[in-house]
C-alpha atoms as a PDB file:
ATOM      1  CA  MET A   1     -64.477  40.331 137.605  1.00  0.00           C
ATOM      2  CA  SER A   2     -64.920  43.688 135.904  1.00  0.00           C
ATOM      3  CA  LYS A   3     -67.825  46.082 136.304  1.00  0.00           C
ATOM      4  CA  VAL A   4     -69.713  47.295 133.251  1.00  0.00           C
ATOM      5  CA  MET A   5     -72.469  49.882 132.980  1.00  0.00           C
ATOM      6  CA  VAL A   6     -74.351  50.339 129.720  1.00  0.00           C
ATOM      7  CA  ASN A   7     -76.504  53.482 129.561  1.00  0.00           C
ATOM      8  CA  CYS A   8     -79.584  53.540 127.341  1.00  0.00           C
ATOM      9  CA  THR A   9     -81.578  56.727 126.765  1.00  0.00           C
ATOM     10  CA  HIS A  10     -83.878  55.392 124.035  1.00  0.00           C
ATOM     11  CA  ALA A  11     -87.058  53.346 123.832  1.00  0.00           C
ATOM     12  CA  LYS A  12     -89.523  52.484 121.034  1.00  0.00           C
ATOM     13  CA  GLU A  13     -88.608  55.632 119.095  1.00  0.00           C
ATOM     14  CA  ASP A  14     -85.164  54.135 118.385  1.00  0.00           C
ATOM     15  CA  PRO A  15     -85.396  50.345 118.751  1.00  0.00           C
ATOM     16  CA  GLU A  16     -81.890  49.751 117.403  1.00  0.00           C
ATOM     17  CA  ARG A  17     -80.283  51.701 120.252  1.00  0.00           C
ATOM     18  CA  ALA A  18     -82.667  50.209 122.818  1.00  0.00           C
ATOM     19  CA  ILE A  19     -81.921  46.645 121.748  1.00  0.00           C
ATOM     20  CA  LEU A  20     -78.191  47.215 121.253  1.00  0.00           C
ATOM     21  CA  ALA A  21     -77.780  48.336 124.874  1.00  0.00           C
ATOM     22  CA  PHE A  22     -79.103  44.952 126.009  1.00  0.00           C
ATOM     23  CA  VAL A  23     -77.094  43.037 123.380  1.00  0.00           C
ATOM     24  CA  VAL A  24     -73.867  44.557 124.750  1.00  0.00           C
ATOM     25  CA  GLY A  25     -75.066  44.144 128.340  1.00  0.00           C
ATOM     26  CA  ASN A  26     -75.917  40.523 127.677  1.00  0.00           C
ATOM     27  CA  VAL A  27     -72.489  39.789 126.207  1.00  0.00           C
ATOM     28  CA  SER A  28     -70.925  41.294 129.323  1.00  0.00           C
ATOM     29  CA  ALA A  29     -73.209  39.423 131.744  1.00  0.00           C
ATOM     30  CA  SER A  30     -72.663  36.164 129.809  1.00  0.00           C
ATOM     31  CA  ALA A  31     -68.927  36.647 130.295  1.00  0.00           C
ATOM     32  CA  ASP A  32     -69.512  36.748 134.064  1.00  0.00           C
ATOM     33  CA  GLN A  33     -68.881  40.476 134.363  1.00  0.00           C
ATOM     34  CA  GLU A  34     -70.905  42.440 136.910  1.00  0.00           C
ATOM     35  CA  THR A  35     -73.229  44.291 134.537  1.00  0.00           C
ATOM     36  CA  LYS A  36     -75.880  46.981 134.920  1.00  0.00           C
ATOM     37  CA  VAL A  37     -77.953  48.502 132.142  1.00  0.00           C
ATOM     38  CA  LEU A  38     -78.790  52.016 133.288  1.00  0.00           C
ATOM     39  CA  LEU A  39     -81.972  53.360 131.727  1.00  0.00           C
ATOM     40  CA  THR A  40     -82.291  57.130 131.612  1.00  0.00           C
ATOM     41  CA  ILE A  41     -84.572  59.675 129.937  1.00  0.00           C
ATOM     42  CA  ASP A  42     -87.130  57.757 127.773  1.00  0.00           C
ATOM     43  CA  GLY A  43     -85.091  54.579 128.178  1.00  0.00           C
ATOM     44  CA  VAL A  44     -86.804  54.023 131.544  1.00  0.00           C
ATOM     45  CA  TRP A  45     -89.878  52.806 129.653  1.00  0.00           C
ATOM     46  CA  LEU A  46     -87.900  49.687 128.673  1.00  0.00           C
ATOM     47  CA  ALA A  47     -88.052  48.459 132.271  1.00  0.00           C
ATOM     48  CA  THR A  48     -91.841  48.674 132.541  1.00  0.00           C
ATOM     49  CA  LYS A  49     -94.075  45.611 132.374  1.00  0.00           C
ATOM     50  CA  GLY A  50     -95.209  44.770 128.850  1.00  0.00           C
ATOM     51  CA  TYR A  51     -93.281  47.576 127.147  1.00  0.00           C
ATOM     52  CA  ALA A  52     -90.712  45.327 125.432  1.00  0.00           C
ATOM     53  CA  GLU A  53     -93.443  43.381 123.609  1.00  0.00           C
ATOM     54  CA  GLY A  54     -93.146  44.008 119.898  1.00  0.00           C
ATOM     55  CA  VAL A  55     -90.019  46.188 120.020  1.00  0.00           C
ATOM     56  CA  GLN A  56     -88.016  44.877 117.090  1.00  0.00           C
ATOM     57  CA  GLN A  57     -85.331  46.062 114.696  1.00  0.00           C
ATOM     58  CA  GLU A  58     -84.409  44.197 111.532  1.00  0.00           C
ATOM     59  CA  GLY A  59     -81.180  42.268 111.987  1.00  0.00           C
ATOM     60  CA  PHE A  60     -81.465  42.138 115.798  1.00  0.00           C
ATOM     61  CA  PRO A  61     -83.161  39.762 118.223  1.00  0.00           C
ATOM     62  CA  SER A  62     -86.310  41.176 119.787  1.00  0.00           C
ATOM     63  CA  LEU A  63     -85.944  43.502 122.758  1.00  0.00           C
ATOM     64  CA  LYS A  64     -88.018  41.157 124.921  1.00  0.00           C
ATOM     65  CA  GLU A  65     -85.776  38.175 124.093  1.00  0.00           C
ATOM     66  CA  THR A  66     -82.552  40.133 124.663  1.00  0.00           C
ATOM     67  CA  LEU A  67     -83.767  41.752 127.874  1.00  0.00           C
ATOM     68  CA  GLU A  68     -84.910  38.412 129.341  1.00  0.00           C
ATOM     69  CA  SER A  69     -81.594  36.787 128.416  1.00  0.00           C
ATOM     70  CA  PHE A  70     -79.701  39.652 130.067  1.00  0.00           C
ATOM     71  CA  ILE A  71     -81.572  39.106 133.333  1.00  0.00           C
ATOM     72  CA  ARG A  72     -81.161  35.307 133.173  1.00  0.00           C
ATOM     73  CA  ASN A  73     -77.408  35.819 132.764  1.00  0.00           C
ATOM     74  CA  GLY A  74     -77.236  37.841 135.985  1.00  0.00           C
ATOM     75  CA  GLY A  75     -77.474  41.373 134.615  1.00  0.00           C
ATOM     76  CA  GLU A  76     -79.323  44.079 136.536  1.00  0.00           C
ATOM     77  CA  ILE A  77     -81.531  46.794 135.113  1.00  0.00           C
ATOM     78  CA  TRP A  78     -81.296  50.156 136.824  1.00  0.00           C
ATOM     79  CA  ALA A  79     -83.970  52.752 136.056  1.00  0.00           C
ATOM     80  CA  CYS A  80     -83.045  56.346 136.872  1.00  0.00           C
ATOM     81  CA  GLY A  81     -85.261  57.656 139.675  1.00  0.00           C
ATOM     82  CA  ALA A  82     -85.027  61.242 138.421  1.00  0.00           C
ATOM     83  CA  CYS A  83     -86.353  59.960 135.074  1.00  0.00           C
ATOM     84  CA  THR A  84     -89.030  57.526 136.309  1.00  0.00           C
ATOM     85  CA  ASN A  85     -90.628  60.007 138.706  1.00  0.00           C
ATOM     86  CA  PRO A  86     -91.851  62.594 136.156  1.00  0.00           C
ATOM     87  CA  ARG A  87     -93.133  59.765 133.955  1.00  0.00           C
ATOM     88  CA  GLY A  88     -95.214  58.340 136.793  1.00  0.00           C
ATOM     89  CA  ILE A  89     -93.270  55.070 136.862  1.00  0.00           C
ATOM     90  CA  GLY A  90     -92.906  53.361 140.238  1.00  0.00           C
ATOM     91  CA  GLN A  91     -91.183  50.181 141.384  1.00  0.00           C
ATOM     92  CA  ASP A  92     -94.449  48.223 141.032  1.00  0.00           C
ATOM     93  CA  ASP A  93     -94.521  49.117 137.316  1.00  0.00           C
ATOM     94  CA  LEU A  94     -91.141  47.493 136.645  1.00  0.00           C
ATOM     95  CA  ILE A  95     -90.322  44.031 135.369  1.00  0.00           C
ATOM     96  CA  GLU A  96     -88.535  41.491 137.527  1.00  0.00           C
ATOM     97  CA  GLY A  97     -84.804  42.239 137.577  1.00  0.00           C
ATOM     98  CA  ALA A  98     -85.282  46.015 137.376  1.00  0.00           C
ATOM     99  CA  LYS A  99     -85.105  48.577 140.138  1.00  0.00           C
ATOM    100  CA  ILE A 100     -85.230  52.324 140.514  1.00  0.00           C
ATOM    101  CA  VAL A 101     -81.907  53.840 141.572  1.00  0.00           C
ATOM    102  CA  THR A 102     -80.595  57.260 142.510  1.00  0.00           C
ATOM    103  CA  ALA A 103     -77.797  59.291 140.988  1.00  0.00           C
ATOM    104  CA  ALA A 104     -75.749  58.415 144.073  1.00  0.00           C
ATOM    105  CA  ASN A 105     -76.036  54.691 143.205  1.00  0.00           C
ATOM    106  CA  VAL A 106     -74.796  55.401 139.677  1.00  0.00           C
ATOM    107  CA  VAL A 107     -71.892  57.579 140.821  1.00  0.00           C
ATOM    108  CA  GLU A 108     -70.860  55.011 143.419  1.00  0.00           C
ATOM    109  CA  TYR A 109     -70.847  52.227 140.797  1.00  0.00           C
ATOM    110  CA  MET A 110     -68.816  54.313 138.375  1.00  0.00           C
ATOM    111  CA  ALA A 111     -66.388  55.423 141.091  1.00  0.00           C
ATOM    112  CA  SER A 112     -65.813  51.770 142.001  1.00  0.00           C
ATOM    113  CA  GLY A 113     -64.298  51.227 138.568  1.00  0.00           C
ATOM    114  CA  ALA A 114     -67.181  50.441 136.217  1.00  0.00           C
ATOM    115  CA  SER A 115     -66.489  50.841 132.526  1.00  0.00           C
ATOM    116  CA  THR A 116     -69.308  52.725 130.819  1.00  0.00           C
ATOM    117  CA  LEU A 117     -70.844  52.811 127.369  1.00  0.00           C
ATOM    118  CA  SER A 118     -73.886  54.763 126.177  1.00  0.00           C
ATOM    119  CA  PHE A 119     -76.523  54.229 123.517  1.00  0.00           C
END
């Protein structure tokens, strides 16, 4: 099993990039790869309850649908703690399947051989 980390820095302001991160993550998780979607900068909003509602880009499935499929397929959502804190986002604000992580968690995952891709 390989390790994959997909980084997403965007939210509603760029729905194509936000959705595409979860499309790629979902393909990886569906292929039984250990997969994390790391949300940084404004991307952390994607992990908050209710935020994915209505995020759509022509030609793509909805963010809500793709995100839920990613979690069902065993993917994990990691929200950057350095990014959630100044936005007032806490663990209780996050959807099921998402958690706040530290830079040390990210570095450890990458150092253990995770392939990375950013949107």
